[in-house]
Protein backbone atom coordinates (compact mmCIF):
# COMPACT_ATOMS: atom_id res chain seq x y z
CA CYS A 1 0.00 -0.02 0.07
CA ILE A 2 2.97 2.47 0.64
CA ILE A 3 4.27 1.86 -2.77
CA ALA A 4 0.88 1.97 -4.50
CA ILE A 5 0.09 5.48 -3.46
CA PRO A 6 3.14 7.14 -4.98
CA VAL A 7 2.91 4.95 -7.99
CA ALA A 8 -0.75 5.99 -8.47
CA VAL A 9 0.16 9.75 -8.01
CA ILE A 10 3.00 9.62 -10.61
CA GLY A 11 0.86 7.55 -13.09
CA PHE A 12 -2.00 10.18 -12.77
CA PHE A 13 0.77 12.93 -13.41
CA PHE A 14 2.00 11.19 -16.57
CA ILE A 15 -1.52 10.41 -17.94
CA THR A 16 -3.00 13.91 -17.19
CA PHE A 17 -0.06 16.31 -17.97
CA PRO A 18 1.76 16.13 -21.36
CA THR A 19 5.07 14.32 -21.14
CA PRO A 20 7.21 12.45 -23.84
CA TYR A 21 6.18 9.04 -22.11
CA PHE A 22 2.54 9.21 -23.24
CA SER A 23 3.43 10.94 -26.67
CA ARG A 24 4.87 10.06 -30.03
CA ASP A 25 7.79 12.01 -31.39
CA LEU A 26 6.69 13.63 -34.71
CA GLN A 27 10.01 13.59 -36.21
CA LYS A 28 9.60 9.78 -36.63
CA ALA A 29 5.86 9.55 -36.81
CA ASP A 30 4.92 12.36 -39.19
CA PRO A 31 7.95 13.61 -41.24
CA GLU A 32 5.79 15.92 -43.31
CA ILE A 33 4.63 17.92 -40.47
CA TYR A 34 7.92 17.69 -38.71
CA ALA A 35 9.55 19.37 -41.90
CA ILE A 36 7.05 22.36 -41.42
CA PHE A 37 8.28 22.67 -37.78
CA GLU A 38 11.88 22.39 -38.49
CA LYS A 39 11.65 25.19 -41.09
CA LEU A 40 9.82 27.36 -38.53
CA LYS A 41 12.18 26.79 -35.72
CA ASN A 42 15.39 27.28 -37.70
CA ASP A 43 14.26 30.51 -39.25
CA PRO A 44 17.09 32.97 -38.83
CA ARG A 45 14.74 35.58 -37.24
CA ILE A 46 14.47 33.60 -34.04
CA ALA A 47 17.52 34.72 -31.94
CA ASP A 48 17.08 32.23 -29.13
CA LYS A 49 19.28 29.21 -30.16
CA GLU A 50 17.77 27.09 -27.38
CA ILE A 51 14.69 27.07 -29.65
CA ARG A 52 16.46 25.15 -32.26
CA GLY A 53 16.47 22.05 -29.88
CA THR A 54 12.65 22.19 -29.26
CA LYS A 55 11.15 18.74 -29.82
CA LEU A 56 7.58 18.24 -31.28
CA TYR A 57 5.34 15.42 -29.85
CA VAL A 58 1.59 14.19 -30.41
CA SER A 59 0.43 13.66 -26.77
CA TYR A 60 -2.07 11.21 -25.51
CA CYS A 61 -2.71 12.71 -22.17
CA THR A 62 -6.04 13.80 -21.06
CA SER A 63 -5.35 17.42 -20.49
CA ILE A 64 -4.28 18.37 -24.10
CA ARG A 65 -7.38 16.92 -26.04
CA LYS A 66 -9.20 20.25 -26.04
CA VAL A 67 -6.44 22.47 -27.07
CA ARG A 68 -4.63 23.16 -30.40
CA ALA A 69 -1.24 22.84 -28.73
CA TYR A 70 0.69 23.14 -25.62
CA ASN A 71 4.33 24.20 -25.07
CA GLY A 72 6.85 24.31 -22.14
CA ARG A 73 10.33 24.47 -20.91
CA THR A 74 10.53 21.09 -19.08
CA PHE A 75 12.89 18.58 -17.72
CA TRP A 76 13.18 17.14 -21.23
CA GLY A 77 13.97 20.69 -22.67
CA ASN A 78 11.77 22.82 -24.60
CA VAL A 79 8.73 20.75 -25.97
CA ILE A 80 5.53 21.45 -27.97
CA PHE A 81 2.81 18.87 -27.57
CA LEU A 82 -0.05 18.53 -30.28
CA PRO A 83 -3.36 16.82 -29.49
CA PRO A 84 -3.96 13.52 -31.32
CA ALA A 85 -6.37 15.33 -33.84
CA TYR A 86 -3.39 17.63 -34.94
CA ARG A 87 -4.07 16.88 -38.61
CA ASN A 88 -7.41 18.33 -38.51
CA ASN A 89 -5.84 21.73 -37.80
CA LYS A 90 -5.96 23.49 -41.10
CA THR A 91 -3.52 26.34 -39.81
CA LEU A 92 -0.97 24.08 -38.18
CA ASN A 93 1.94 26.10 -39.13
CA ILE A 94 0.42 29.22 -37.45
CA THR A 95 -0.26 27.04 -34.30
CA LEU A 96 3.43 25.90 -34.29
CA ALA A 97 4.78 29.52 -34.89
CA HIS A 98 2.58 30.69 -32.04
CA GLU A 99 3.88 28.08 -29.63
CA LEU A 100 7.39 28.88 -30.75
CA GLY A 101 6.48 32.45 -29.97
CA HIS A 102 5.72 31.64 -26.40
CA LEU A 103 9.03 29.68 -26.00
CA ALA A 104 11.34 32.10 -27.90
CA LEU A 105 10.06 35.29 -26.31
CA LYS A 106 9.50 33.74 -22.91
CA THR A 107 6.09 34.94 -22.57
CA LYS A 108 2.72 33.71 -21.62
CA SER A 109 1.14 36.82 -23.56
CA GLU A 110 -1.20 35.52 -26.31
CA PHE A 111 -0.86 38.87 -27.93
CA GLU A 112 2.93 38.66 -28.20
CA ALA A 113 2.95 34.96 -29.36
CA ASP A 114 0.32 35.76 -32.01
CA LEU A 115 2.30 38.65 -33.25
CA PHE A 116 5.42 36.39 -33.52
CA ALA A 117 3.58 33.80 -35.25
CA LEU A 118 2.25 36.31 -37.93
CA LYS A 119 5.85 37.73 -38.40
CA LEU A 120 7.15 34.01 -38.75
CA VAL A 121 4.73 32.78 -41.27
CA GLY A 122 4.55 36.14 -43.12
CA ALA A 123 2.19 38.46 -44.54
CA GLY A 124 1.18 35.90 -47.51
CA GLN A 125 -0.46 33.90 -44.48
CA LYS A 126 -2.52 36.86 -43.10
CA GLU A 127 -5.90 35.49 -44.13
CA ARG A 128 -5.30 32.22 -42.75
CA PHE A 129 -3.98 33.78 -39.52
CA ILE A 130 -7.06 35.84 -39.32
CA ARG A 131 -9.32 32.84 -39.79
CA SER A 132 -7.34 30.83 -37.31
CA ARG A 133 -7.59 33.58 -34.71
CA ARG A 134 -11.45 33.72 -35.26
CA GLU A 135 -11.82 29.99 -34.79
CA LEU A 136 -10.28 30.45 -31.37
CA LYS A 137 -12.83 33.23 -30.89
CA ARG A 138 -10.49 36.02 -30.46
CA PRO A 139 -12.39 39.41 -30.59
CA GLU A 140 -12.11 41.25 -33.74
CA GLU A 141 -10.54 44.27 -31.87
CA TYR A 142 -7.76 41.86 -30.77
CA ILE A 143 -7.19 40.72 -34.33
CA LYS A 144 -7.19 44.32 -35.61
CA SER A 145 -4.78 45.32 -32.94
CA ILE A 146 -2.38 42.37 -33.98
CA LEU A 147 -2.67 43.33 -37.75
CA THR A 148 -2.09 47.07 -37.06
CA THR A 149 1.04 46.32 -34.87
CA PHE A 150 2.28 43.80 -37.51
CA GLU A 151 1.93 46.58 -40.33
CA GLN A 152 3.51 49.26 -38.26
CA GLU A 153 6.49 46.96 -37.48
CA SER A 154 6.67 45.76 -40.96
CA GLY A 155 6.80 49.33 -42.17
CA ARG A 156 9.82 50.05 -39.83
CA ASN A 157 11.76 47.16 -40.94
CA ASN A 158 11.49 48.05 -44.83
């Protein structure tokens, strides 16, 4: 009984929260999607070299089934976990760029991560970006604010 309680607690943790133990490494499981991720994380505009080592997994834990993705700086390094239905996400590149934004900027701010994602995927993906934020039920003012900031910062860089 003394051993059963810690084992049960540890088991609950690994089933409830994303870990590589209840996940599939997408580098092996889905090379096509992993190639998109590799291109994003190796973009020269990402200054944080730690990001290059970020791993991508599909997680089967219970806490991630209702989100598009989850990121973290963990015992295993920087990781991004996708839910099992990740293939249904029509804007997966934007989701991955958004999660990389959280890691690269070391922020929990959705605005900063969204702005980072838009910069990373580029202006050519603006309509898909807008659609993806609307699917997440982001307010129109929020979306306009990101687009305005993006345009202003893009104008300064030209």
